[in-house]
PDB file of all heavy atoms in Angstrom:
ATOM      1  N   THR A   1      -9.201  -9.852   0.467  1.00  0.00           N
ATOM      2  CA  THR A   1      -9.362  -9.532   1.906  1.00  0.00           C
ATOM      3  C   THR A   1      -7.970  -9.400   2.566  1.00  0.00           C
ATOM      4  O   THR A   1      -7.203 -10.297   2.370  1.00  0.00           O
ATOM      5  CB  THR A   1     -10.199 -10.623   2.636  1.00  0.00           C
ATOM      6  OG1 THR A   1     -11.498 -10.764   1.998  1.00  0.00           O
ATOM      7  CG2 THR A   1     -10.418 -10.268   4.110  1.00  0.00           C
ATOM      8  N   ASP A   2      -7.744  -8.309   3.242  1.00  0.00           N
ATOM      9  CA  ASP A   2      -6.483  -8.067   3.895  1.00  0.00           C
ATOM     10  C   ASP A   2      -6.833  -7.855   5.381  1.00  0.00           C
ATOM     11  O   ASP A   2      -7.657  -7.069   5.750  1.00  0.00           O
ATOM     12  CB  ASP A   2      -5.739  -6.837   3.404  1.00  0.00           C
ATOM     13  CG  ASP A   2      -5.028  -7.038   2.059  1.00  0.00           C
ATOM     14  OD1 ASP A   2      -5.350  -7.996   1.388  1.00  0.00           O
ATOM     15  OD2 ASP A   2      -4.226  -6.187   1.764  1.00  0.00           O
ATOM     16  N   ASP A   3      -6.064  -8.531   6.271  1.00  0.00           N
ATOM     17  CA  ASP A   3      -6.170  -8.275   7.726  1.00  0.00           C
ATOM     18  C   ASP A   3      -4.733  -8.107   8.229  1.00  0.00           C
ATOM     19  O   ASP A   3      -3.855  -8.969   8.058  1.00  0.00           O
ATOM     20  CB  ASP A   3      -6.825  -9.484   8.437  1.00  0.00           C
ATOM     21  CG  ASP A   3      -8.318  -9.497   8.165  1.00  0.00           C
ATOM     22  OD1 ASP A   3      -8.983  -8.560   8.577  1.00  0.00           O
ATOM     23  OD2 ASP A   3      -8.775 -10.418   7.466  1.00  0.00           O
ATOM     24  N   TRP A   4      -4.478  -6.929   8.804  1.00  0.00           N
ATOM     25  CA  TRP A   4      -3.167  -6.556   9.356  1.00  0.00           C
ATOM     26  C   TRP A   4      -3.277  -6.269  10.815  1.00  0.00           C
ATOM     27  O   TRP A   4      -4.252  -5.633  11.271  1.00  0.00           O
ATOM     28  CB  TRP A   4      -2.642  -5.305   8.566  1.00  0.00           C
ATOM     29  CG  TRP A   4      -2.446  -5.434   7.136  1.00  0.00           C
ATOM     30  CD1 TRP A   4      -3.434  -5.541   6.179  1.00  0.00           C
ATOM     31  CD2 TRP A   4      -1.252  -5.500   6.433  1.00  0.00           C
ATOM     32  NE1 TRP A   4      -2.911  -5.622   4.950  1.00  0.00           N
ATOM     33  CE2 TRP A   4      -1.540  -5.637   5.058  1.00  0.00           C
ATOM     34  CE3 TRP A   4       0.082  -5.428   6.831  1.00  0.00           C
ATOM     35  CZ2 TRP A   4      -0.532  -5.648   4.062  1.00  0.00           C
ATOM     36  CZ3 TRP A   4       1.076  -5.489   5.817  1.00  0.00           C
ATOM     37  CH2 TRP A   4       0.766  -5.614   4.458  1.00  0.00           C
ATOM     38  N   ASP A   5      -2.367  -6.756  11.592  1.00  0.00           N
ATOM     39  CA  ASP A   5      -2.363  -6.545  13.017  1.00  0.00           C
ATOM     40  C   ASP A   5      -0.922  -6.339  13.493  1.00  0.00           C
ATOM     41  O   ASP A   5      -0.098  -7.281  13.415  1.00  0.00           O
ATOM     42  CB  ASP A   5      -2.976  -7.750  13.718  1.00  0.00           C
ATOM     43  CG  ASP A   5      -3.261  -7.462  15.165  1.00  0.00           C
ATOM     44  OD1 ASP A   5      -2.915  -6.400  15.723  1.00  0.00           O
ATOM     45  OD2 ASP A   5      -3.869  -8.383  15.859  1.00  0.00           O
ATOM     46  N   PHE A   6      -0.601  -5.097  13.897  1.00  0.00           N
ATOM     47  CA  PHE A   6       0.718  -4.759  14.337  1.00  0.00           C
ATOM     48  C   PHE A   6       0.692  -4.348  15.816  1.00  0.00           C
ATOM     49  O   PHE A   6      -0.217  -3.598  16.202  1.00  0.00           O
ATOM     50  CB  PHE A   6       1.294  -3.591  13.543  1.00  0.00           C
ATOM     51  CG  PHE A   6       1.489  -3.871  12.068  1.00  0.00           C
ATOM     52  CD1 PHE A   6       0.505  -3.405  11.147  1.00  0.00           C
ATOM     53  CD2 PHE A   6       2.579  -4.535  11.586  1.00  0.00           C
ATOM     54  CE1 PHE A   6       0.656  -3.646   9.828  1.00  0.00           C
ATOM     55  CE2 PHE A   6       2.747  -4.774  10.249  1.00  0.00           C
ATOM     56  CZ  PHE A   6       1.787  -4.349   9.338  1.00  0.00           C
ATOM     57  N   ALA A   7       1.682  -4.673  16.537  1.00  0.00           N
ATOM     58  CA  ALA A   7       1.795  -4.285  17.935  1.00  0.00           C
ATOM     59  C   ALA A   7       3.263  -4.075  18.285  1.00  0.00           C
ATOM     60  O   ALA A   7       4.112  -4.890  17.886  1.00  0.00           O
ATOM     61  CB  ALA A   7       1.134  -5.375  18.912  1.00  0.00           C
ATOM     62  N   ALA A   8       3.564  -3.011  19.049  1.00  0.00           N
ATOM     63  CA  ALA A   8       4.917  -2.718  19.490  1.00  0.00           C
ATOM     64  C   ALA A   8       5.054  -2.868  20.940  1.00  0.00           C
ATOM     65  O   ALA A   8       4.032  -2.780  21.722  1.00  0.00           O
ATOM     66  CB  ALA A   8       5.318  -1.297  19.072  1.00  0.00           C
ATOM     67  N   ALA A   9       6.279  -2.973  21.423  1.00  0.00           N
ATOM     68  CA  ALA A   9       6.544  -3.142  22.855  1.00  0.00           C
ATOM     69  C   ALA A   9       6.090  -1.951  23.647  1.00  0.00           C
ATOM     70  O   ALA A   9       5.779  -2.050  24.828  1.00  0.00           O
ATOM     71  CB  ALA A   9       8.030  -3.393  23.096  1.00  0.00           C
ATOM     72  N   GLY A  10       6.062  -0.739  22.974  1.00  0.00           N
ATOM     73  CA  GLY A  10       5.631   0.497  23.665  1.00  0.00           C
ATOM     74  C   GLY A  10       4.157   0.638  23.831  1.00  0.00           C
ATOM     75  O   GLY A  10       3.719   1.671  24.262  1.00  0.00           O
ATOM     76  N   GLY A  11       3.371  -0.352  23.397  1.00  0.00           N
ATOM     77  CA  GLY A  11       1.921  -0.285  23.481  1.00  0.00           C
ATOM     78  C   GLY A  11       1.204   0.179  22.255  1.00  0.00           C
ATOM     79  O   GLY A  11      -0.014   0.103  22.149  1.00  0.00           O
ATOM     80  N   GLU A  12       1.974   0.676  21.240  1.00  0.00           N
ATOM     81  CA  GLU A  12       1.397   1.063  19.942  1.00  0.00           C
ATOM     82  C   GLU A  12       0.812  -0.114  19.265  1.00  0.00           C
ATOM     83  O   GLU A  12       1.370  -1.237  19.265  1.00  0.00           O
ATOM     84  CB  GLU A  12       2.419   1.754  19.090  1.00  0.00           C
ATOM     85  CG  GLU A  12       3.015   3.025  19.609  1.00  0.00           C
ATOM     86  CD  GLU A  12       4.182   2.819  20.527  1.00  0.00           C
ATOM     87  OE1 GLU A  12       4.579   1.660  20.791  1.00  0.00           O
ATOM     88  OE2 GLU A  12       4.705   3.828  21.001  1.00  0.00           O
ATOM     89  N   HIS A  13      -0.411   0.055  18.638  1.00  0.00           N
ATOM     90  CA  HIS A  13      -0.979  -1.043  17.860  1.00  0.00           C
ATOM     91  C   HIS A  13      -1.837  -0.490  16.739  1.00  0.00           C
ATOM     92  O   HIS A  13      -2.386   0.605  16.809  1.00  0.00           O
ATOM     93  CB  HIS A  13      -1.879  -1.914  18.796  1.00  0.00           C
ATOM     94  CG  HIS A  13      -3.001  -1.130  19.408  1.00  0.00           C
ATOM     95  ND1 HIS A  13      -2.797  -0.364  20.549  1.00  0.00           N
ATOM     96  CD2 HIS A  13      -4.292  -0.989  19.030  1.00  0.00           C
ATOM     97  CE1 HIS A  13      -3.958   0.148  20.900  1.00  0.00           C
ATOM     98  NE2 HIS A  13      -4.901  -0.193  19.971  1.00  0.00           N
ATOM     99  N   ILE A  14      -1.907  -1.252  15.679  1.00  0.00           N
ATOM    100  CA  ILE A  14      -2.703  -0.962  14.544  1.00  0.00           C
ATOM    101  C   ILE A  14      -3.360  -2.245  14.042  1.00  0.00           C
ATOM    102  O   ILE A  14      -2.684  -3.216  13.881  1.00  0.00           O
ATOM    103  CB  ILE A  14      -1.924  -0.346  13.378  1.00  0.00           C
ATOM    104  CG1 ILE A  14      -1.314   1.013  13.733  1.00  0.00           C
ATOM    105  CG2 ILE A  14      -2.814  -0.161  12.112  1.00  0.00           C
ATOM    106  CD1 ILE A  14      -0.418   1.590  12.705  1.00  0.00           C
ATOM    107  N   GLN A  15      -4.688  -2.157  13.856  1.00  0.00           N
ATOM    108  CA  GLN A  15      -5.422  -3.285  13.270  1.00  0.00           C
ATOM    109  C   GLN A  15      -6.210  -2.776  12.101  1.00  0.00           C
ATOM    110  O   GLN A  15      -6.940  -1.778  12.219  1.00  0.00           O
ATOM    111  CB  GLN A  15      -6.429  -3.926  14.312  1.00  0.00           C
ATOM    112  CG  GLN A  15      -5.708  -4.596  15.454  1.00  0.00           C
ATOM    113  CD  GLN A  15      -6.734  -5.112  16.450  1.00  0.00           C
ATOM    114  OE1 GLN A  15      -7.659  -4.394  16.837  1.00  0.00           O
ATOM    115  NE2 GLN A  15      -6.578  -6.330  16.847  1.00  0.00           N
ATOM    116  N   LEU A  16      -6.065  -3.456  10.946  1.00  0.00           N
ATOM    117  CA  LEU A  16      -6.731  -3.004   9.688  1.00  0.00           C
ATOM    118  C   LEU A  16      -7.434  -4.234   9.148  1.00  0.00           C
ATOM    119  O   LEU A  16      -6.855  -5.300   9.004  1.00  0.00           O
ATOM    120  CB  LEU A  16      -5.713  -2.425   8.735  1.00  0.00           C
ATOM    121  CG  LEU A  16      -6.281  -2.160   7.355  1.00  0.00           C
ATOM    122  CD1 LEU A  16      -7.059  -0.818   7.328  1.00  0.00           C
ATOM    123  CD2 LEU A  16      -5.194  -2.164   6.305  1.00  0.00           C
ATOM    124  N   HIS A  17      -8.701  -3.980   8.678  1.00  0.00           N
ATOM    125  CA  HIS A  17      -9.430  -5.023   7.943  1.00  0.00           C
ATOM    126  C   HIS A  17      -9.944  -4.358   6.699  1.00  0.00           C
ATOM    127  O   HIS A  17     -10.570  -3.275   6.762  1.00  0.00           O
ATOM    128  CB  HIS A  17     -10.554  -5.628   8.772  1.00  0.00           C
ATOM    129  CG  HIS A  17     -11.496  -6.419   8.004  1.00  0.00           C
ATOM    130  ND1 HIS A  17     -11.197  -7.704   7.563  1.00  0.00           N
ATOM    131  CD2 HIS A  17     -12.746  -6.192   7.473  1.00  0.00           C
ATOM    132  CE1 HIS A  17     -12.170  -8.166   6.787  1.00  0.00           C
ATOM    133  NE2 HIS A  17     -13.165  -7.273   6.761  1.00  0.00           N
ATOM    134  N   LEU A  18      -9.677  -4.956   5.534  1.00  0.00           N
ATOM    135  CA  LEU A  18     -10.155  -4.370   4.258  1.00  0.00           C
ATOM    136  C   LEU A  18     -10.576  -5.531   3.357  1.00  0.00           C
ATOM    137  O   LEU A  18      -9.826  -6.496   3.195  1.00  0.00           O
ATOM    138  CB  LEU A  18      -9.014  -3.580   3.616  1.00  0.00           C
ATOM    139  CG  LEU A  18      -9.283  -3.002   2.271  1.00  0.00           C
ATOM    140  CD1 LEU A  18     -10.445  -2.002   2.316  1.00  0.00           C
ATOM    141  CD2 LEU A  18      -8.026  -2.409   1.682  1.00  0.00           C
ATOM    142  N   LYS A  19     -11.801  -5.355   2.752  1.00  0.00           N
ATOM    143  CA  LYS A  19     -12.299  -6.320   1.774  1.00  0.00           C
ATOM    144  C   LYS A  19     -12.702  -5.467   0.578  1.00  0.00           C
ATOM    145  O   LYS A  19     -13.483  -4.547   0.742  1.00  0.00           O
ATOM    146  CB  LYS A  19     -13.479  -7.112   2.336  1.00  0.00           C
ATOM    147  CG  LYS A  19     -13.894  -8.189   1.402  1.00  0.00           C
ATOM    148  CD  LYS A  19     -15.014  -9.023   2.104  1.00  0.00           C
ATOM    149  CE  LYS A  19     -15.458 -10.174   1.303  1.00  0.00           C
ATOM    150  NZ  LYS A  19     -16.480 -10.969   1.991  1.00  0.00           N
ATOM    151  N   TYR A  20     -12.220  -5.838  -0.619  1.00  0.00           N
ATOM    152  CA  TYR A  20     -12.505  -5.033  -1.767  1.00  0.00           C
ATOM    153  C   TYR A  20     -12.554  -5.954  -3.020  1.00  0.00           C
ATOM    154  O   TYR A  20     -12.015  -7.006  -3.027  1.00  0.00           O
ATOM    155  CB  TYR A  20     -11.495  -3.907  -1.974  1.00  0.00           C
ATOM    156  CG  TYR A  20     -10.076  -4.393  -2.226  1.00  0.00           C
ATOM    157  CD1 TYR A  20      -9.621  -4.453  -3.528  1.00  0.00           C
ATOM    158  CD2 TYR A  20      -9.241  -4.733  -1.229  1.00  0.00           C
ATOM    159  CE1 TYR A  20      -8.334  -4.940  -3.772  1.00  0.00           C
ATOM    160  CE2 TYR A  20      -7.957  -5.167  -1.413  1.00  0.00           C
ATOM    161  CZ  TYR A  20      -7.501  -5.236  -2.747  1.00  0.00           C
ATOM    162  OH  TYR A  20      -6.231  -5.638  -2.978  1.00  0.00           O
ATOM    163  N   VAL A  21     -13.189  -5.402  -4.099  1.00  0.00           N
ATOM    164  CA  VAL A  21     -13.202  -6.093  -5.352  1.00  0.00           C
ATOM    165  C   VAL A  21     -12.081  -5.515  -6.245  1.00  0.00           C
ATOM    166  O   VAL A  21     -11.958  -4.310  -6.379  1.00  0.00           O
ATOM    167  CB  VAL A  21     -14.565  -5.869  -6.093  1.00  0.00           C
ATOM    168  CG1 VAL A  21     -14.535  -6.467  -7.471  1.00  0.00           C
ATOM    169  CG2 VAL A  21     -15.735  -6.427  -5.275  1.00  0.00           C
ATOM    170  N   ARG A  22     -11.221  -6.416  -6.634  1.00  0.00           N
ATOM    171  CA  ARG A  22     -10.077  -5.970  -7.475  1.00  0.00           C
ATOM    172  C   ARG A  22     -10.508  -5.439  -8.820  1.00  0.00           C
ATOM    173  O   ARG A  22     -11.479  -5.948  -9.389  1.00  0.00           O
ATOM    174  CB  ARG A  22      -9.089  -7.187  -7.677  1.00  0.00           C
ATOM    175  CG  ARG A  22      -7.772  -6.747  -8.409  1.00  0.00           C
ATOM    176  CD  ARG A  22      -6.936  -7.945  -8.674  1.00  0.00           C
ATOM    177  NE  ARG A  22      -6.476  -8.555  -7.441  1.00  0.00           N
ATOM    178  CZ  ARG A  22      -5.911  -9.724  -7.387  1.00  0.00           C
ATOM    179  NH1 ARG A  22      -5.804 -10.488  -8.499  1.00  0.00           N
ATOM    180  NH2 ARG A  22      -5.486 -10.202  -6.239  1.00  0.00           N
ATOM    181  N   GLY A  23      -9.888  -4.364  -9.241  1.00  0.00           N
ATOM    182  CA  GLY A  23     -10.192  -3.769 -10.528  1.00  0.00           C
ATOM    183  C   GLY A  23      -8.931  -3.650 -11.382  1.00  0.00           C
ATOM    184  O   GLY A  23      -7.881  -4.086 -11.012  1.00  0.00           O
ATOM    185  N   PRO A  24      -9.108  -3.060 -12.536  1.00  0.00           N
ATOM    186  CA  PRO A  24      -7.924  -2.853 -13.389  1.00  0.00           C
ATOM    187  C   PRO A  24      -6.913  -1.868 -12.742  1.00  0.00           C
ATOM    188  O   PRO A  24      -7.358  -0.838 -12.258  1.00  0.00           O
ATOM    189  CB  PRO A  24      -8.533  -2.293 -14.722  1.00  0.00           C
ATOM    190  CG  PRO A  24      -9.747  -1.662 -14.325  1.00  0.00           C
ATOM    191  CD  PRO A  24     -10.300  -2.470 -13.155  1.00  0.00           C
ATOM    192  N   ALA A  25      -5.708  -2.204 -12.774  1.00  0.00           N
ATOM    193  CA  ALA A  25      -4.666  -1.347 -12.117  1.00  0.00           C
ATOM    194  C   ALA A  25      -4.138  -0.333 -13.174  1.00  0.00           C
ATOM    195  O   ALA A  25      -4.035  -0.665 -14.362  1.00  0.00           O
ATOM    196  CB  ALA A  25      -3.566  -2.208 -11.618  1.00  0.00           C
ATOM    197  N   ASN A  26      -3.741   0.838 -12.713  1.00  0.00           N
ATOM    198  CA  ASN A  26      -3.150   1.859 -13.482  1.00  0.00           C
ATOM    199  C   ASN A  26      -1.631   1.634 -13.478  1.00  0.00           C
ATOM    200  O   ASN A  26      -1.063   1.522 -12.392  1.00  0.00           O
ATOM    201  CB  ASN A  26      -3.481   3.259 -12.926  1.00  0.00           C
ATOM    202  CG  ASN A  26      -4.949   3.525 -12.950  1.00  0.00           C
ATOM    203  OD1 ASN A  26      -5.626   3.395 -13.901  1.00  0.00           O
ATOM    204  ND2 ASN A  26      -5.512   3.824 -11.748  1.00  0.00           N
ATOM    205  N   LYS A  27      -1.034   1.641 -14.640  1.00  0.00           N
ATOM    206  CA  LYS A  27       0.438   1.464 -14.704  1.00  0.00           C
ATOM    207  C   LYS A  27       1.140   2.816 -14.677  1.00  0.00           C
ATOM    208  O   LYS A  27       0.642   3.801 -15.213  1.00  0.00           O
ATOM    209  CB  LYS A  27       0.784   0.674 -15.980  1.00  0.00           C
ATOM    210  CG  LYS A  27       0.272  -0.707 -15.959  1.00  0.00           C
ATOM    211  CD  LYS A  27       0.737  -1.492 -17.183  1.00  0.00           C
ATOM    212  CE  LYS A  27       0.174  -2.891 -17.133  1.00  0.00           C
ATOM    213  NZ  LYS A  27       0.552  -3.670 -18.319  1.00  0.00           N
ATOM    214  N   GLY A  28       2.299   2.831 -14.028  1.00  0.00           N
ATOM    215  CA  GLY A  28       3.069   4.120 -13.969  1.00  0.00           C
ATOM    216  C   GLY A  28       4.513   3.803 -13.662  1.00  0.00           C
ATOM    217  O   GLY A  28       4.905   2.619 -13.642  1.00  0.00           O
ATOM    218  N   GLY A  29       5.282   4.829 -13.469  1.00  0.00           N
ATOM    219  CA  GLY A  29       6.679   4.682 -13.116  1.00  0.00           C
ATOM    220  C   GLY A  29       7.481   5.673 -13.889  1.00  0.00           C
ATOM    221  O   GLY A  29       7.000   6.596 -14.483  1.00  0.00           O
ATOM    222  N   GLY A  30       8.772   5.476 -13.856  1.00  0.00           N
ATOM    223  CA  GLY A  30       9.730   6.303 -14.551  1.00  0.00           C
ATOM    224  C   GLY A  30      11.100   6.161 -14.077  1.00  0.00           C
ATOM    225  O   GLY A  30      11.400   5.227 -13.323  1.00  0.00           O
ATOM    226  N   ALA A  31      11.981   7.008 -14.552  1.00  0.00           N
ATOM    227  CA  ALA A  31      13.430   6.940 -14.236  1.00  0.00           C
ATOM    228  C   ALA A  31      13.880   8.240 -13.566  1.00  0.00           C
ATOM    229  O   ALA A  31      13.427   9.333 -14.011  1.00  0.00           O
ATOM    230  CB  ALA A  31      14.270   6.638 -15.455  1.00  0.00           C
ATOM    231  N   THR A  32      14.726   8.135 -12.520  1.00  0.00           N
ATOM    232  CA  THR A  32      15.333   9.343 -11.895  1.00  0.00           C
ATOM    233  C   THR A  32      16.831   9.108 -11.817  1.00  0.00           C
ATOM    234  O   THR A  32      17.288   8.002 -11.463  1.00  0.00           O
ATOM    235  CB  THR A  32      14.767   9.475 -10.459  1.00  0.00           C
ATOM    236  OG1 THR A  32      13.317   9.527 -10.532  1.00  0.00           O
ATOM    237  CG2 THR A  32      15.309  10.719  -9.767  1.00  0.00           C
ATOM    238  N   LYS A  33      17.571  10.152 -12.134  1.00  0.00           N
ATOM    239  CA  LYS A  33      19.056  10.101 -12.041  1.00  0.00           C
ATOM    240  C   LYS A  33      19.448  10.756 -10.760  1.00  0.00           C
ATOM    241  O   LYS A  33      19.018  11.907 -10.522  1.00  0.00           O
ATOM    242  CB  LYS A  33      19.702  10.758 -13.261  1.00  0.00           C
ATOM    243  CG  LYS A  33      19.585   9.891 -14.546  1.00  0.00           C
ATOM    244  CD  LYS A  33      20.332  10.587 -15.650  1.00  0.00           C
ATOM    245  CE  LYS A  33      20.167   9.744 -16.949  1.00  0.00           C
ATOM    246  NZ  LYS A  33      20.893  10.337 -18.040  1.00  0.00           N
ATOM    247  N   PHE A  34      20.427  10.155 -10.063  1.00  0.00           N
ATOM    248  CA  PHE A  34      20.961  10.741  -8.807  1.00  0.00           C
ATOM    249  C   PHE A  34      22.462  10.942  -9.103  1.00  0.00           C
ATOM    250  O   PHE A  34      23.206   9.972  -9.291  1.00  0.00           O
ATOM    251  CB  PHE A  34      20.796   9.776  -7.675  1.00  0.00           C
ATOM    252  CG  PHE A  34      19.380   9.525  -7.269  1.00  0.00           C
ATOM    253  CD1 PHE A  34      18.665   8.455  -7.753  1.00  0.00           C
ATOM    254  CD2 PHE A  34      18.767  10.419  -6.434  1.00  0.00           C
ATOM    255  CE1 PHE A  34      17.359   8.267  -7.394  1.00  0.00           C
ATOM    256  CE2 PHE A  34      17.398  10.208  -6.056  1.00  0.00           C
ATOM    257  CZ  PHE A  34      16.685   9.140  -6.581  1.00  0.00           C
ATOM    258  N   PHE A  35      22.900  12.225  -9.234  1.00  0.00           N
ATOM    259  CA  PHE A  35      24.184  12.567  -9.625  1.00  0.00           C
ATOM    260  C   PHE A  35      25.147  12.644  -8.416  1.00  0.00           C
ATOM    261  O   PHE A  35      24.697  13.077  -7.291  1.00  0.00           O
ATOM    262  CB  PHE A  35      24.257  13.919 -10.356  1.00  0.00           C
ATOM    263  CG  PHE A  35      23.643  13.840 -11.698  1.00  0.00           C
ATOM    264  CD1 PHE A  35      22.274  14.043 -11.872  1.00  0.00           C
ATOM    265  CD2 PHE A  35      24.415  13.515 -12.813  1.00  0.00           C
ATOM    266  CE1 PHE A  35      21.670  13.954 -13.121  1.00  0.00           C
ATOM    267  CE2 PHE A  35      23.842  13.433 -14.093  1.00  0.00           C
ATOM    268  CZ  PHE A  35      22.477  13.658 -14.245  1.00  0.00           C
ATOM    269  N   ASN A  36      26.403  12.310  -8.570  1.00  0.00           N
ATOM    270  CA  ASN A  36      27.420  12.343  -7.504  1.00  0.00           C
ATOM    271  C   ASN A  36      27.853  13.817  -7.410  1.00  0.00           C
ATOM    272  O   ASN A  36      28.396  14.386  -8.421  1.00  0.00           O
ATOM    273  CB  ASN A  36      28.558  11.477  -7.882  1.00  0.00           C
ATOM    274  CG  ASN A  36      29.695  11.519  -6.863  1.00  0.00           C
ATOM    275  OD1 ASN A  36      29.761  12.373  -6.010  1.00  0.00           O
ATOM    276  ND2 ASN A  36      30.606  10.508  -6.963  1.00  0.00           N
ATOM    277  N   PRO A  37      27.634  14.508  -6.339  1.00  0.00           N
ATOM    278  CA  PRO A  37      28.006  15.955  -6.252  1.00  0.00           C
ATOM    279  C   PRO A  37      29.502  16.161  -6.416  1.00  0.00           C
ATOM    280  O   PRO A  37      29.898  17.261  -6.901  1.00  0.00           O
ATOM    281  CB  PRO A  37      27.541  16.376  -4.808  1.00  0.00           C
ATOM    282  CG  PRO A  37      26.980  15.188  -4.177  1.00  0.00           C
ATOM    283  CD  PRO A  37      27.007  14.046  -5.146  1.00  0.00           C
ATOM    284  N   ALA A  38      30.353  15.208  -6.042  1.00  0.00           N
ATOM    285  CA  ALA A  38      31.776  15.387  -6.225  1.00  0.00           C
ATOM    286  C   ALA A  38      32.205  15.206  -7.670  1.00  0.00           C
ATOM    287  O   ALA A  38      33.226  15.728  -8.108  1.00  0.00           O
ATOM    288  CB  ALA A  38      32.515  14.409  -5.310  1.00  0.00           C
ATOM    289  N   ASN A  39      31.432  14.408  -8.438  1.00  0.00           N
ATOM    290  CA  ASN A  39      31.726  14.158  -9.815  1.00  0.00           C
ATOM    291  C   ASN A  39      30.432  14.002 -10.591  1.00  0.00           C
ATOM    292  O   ASN A  39      29.910  12.916 -10.724  1.00  0.00           O
ATOM    293  CB  ASN A  39      32.637  12.925  -9.939  1.00  0.00           C
ATOM    294  CG  ASN A  39      32.955  12.655 -11.406  1.00  0.00           C
ATOM    295  OD1 ASN A  39      32.553  13.346 -12.362  1.00  0.00           O
ATOM    296  ND2 ASN A  39      33.787  11.625 -11.656  1.00  0.00           N
ATOM    297  N   PRO A  40      29.893  15.093 -11.122  1.00  0.00           N
ATOM    298  CA  PRO A  40      28.568  15.064 -11.779  1.00  0.00           C
ATOM    299  C   PRO A  40      28.535  14.127 -13.060  1.00  0.00           C
ATOM    300  O   PRO A  40      27.441  13.818 -13.523  1.00  0.00           O
ATOM    301  CB  PRO A  40      28.344  16.505 -12.225  1.00  0.00           C
ATOM    302  CG  PRO A  40      29.171  17.311 -11.250  1.00  0.00           C
ATOM    303  CD  PRO A  40      30.357  16.475 -10.948  1.00  0.00           C
ATOM    304  N   ALA A  41      29.710  13.686 -13.463  1.00  0.00           N
ATOM    305  CA  ALA A  41      29.717  12.720 -14.547  1.00  0.00           C
ATOM    306  C   ALA A  41      29.283  11.349 -14.079  1.00  0.00           C
ATOM    307  O   ALA A  41      28.899  10.501 -14.902  1.00  0.00           O
ATOM    308  CB  ALA A  41      31.055  12.618 -15.199  1.00  0.00           C
ATOM    309  N   GLN A  42      29.309  11.133 -12.824  1.00  0.00           N
ATOM    310  CA  GLN A  42      28.861   9.821 -12.211  1.00  0.00           C
ATOM    311  C   GLN A  42      27.456   9.904 -11.713  1.00  0.00           C
ATOM    312  O   GLN A  42      27.126  10.952 -10.989  1.00  0.00           O
ATOM    313  CB  GLN A  42      29.766   9.400 -11.097  1.00  0.00           C
ATOM    314  CG  GLN A  42      31.192   9.093 -11.545  1.00  0.00           C
ATOM    315  CD  GLN A  42      32.048   8.706 -10.311  1.00  0.00           C
ATOM    316  OE1 GLN A  42      31.735   9.047  -9.202  1.00  0.00           O
ATOM    317  NE2 GLN A  42      33.154   8.006 -10.607  1.00  0.00           N
TER     318      GLN A  42
END
């Protein structure tokens, strides 16, 4: 069970209620390279 309640000074608000049965999770991910444009060897 998750209950989230957010409120901002500008009047914005979000309330969320969720109840669920946990199941098997799918695994994922990977690797990403970010190259330095001034020196692509880095």
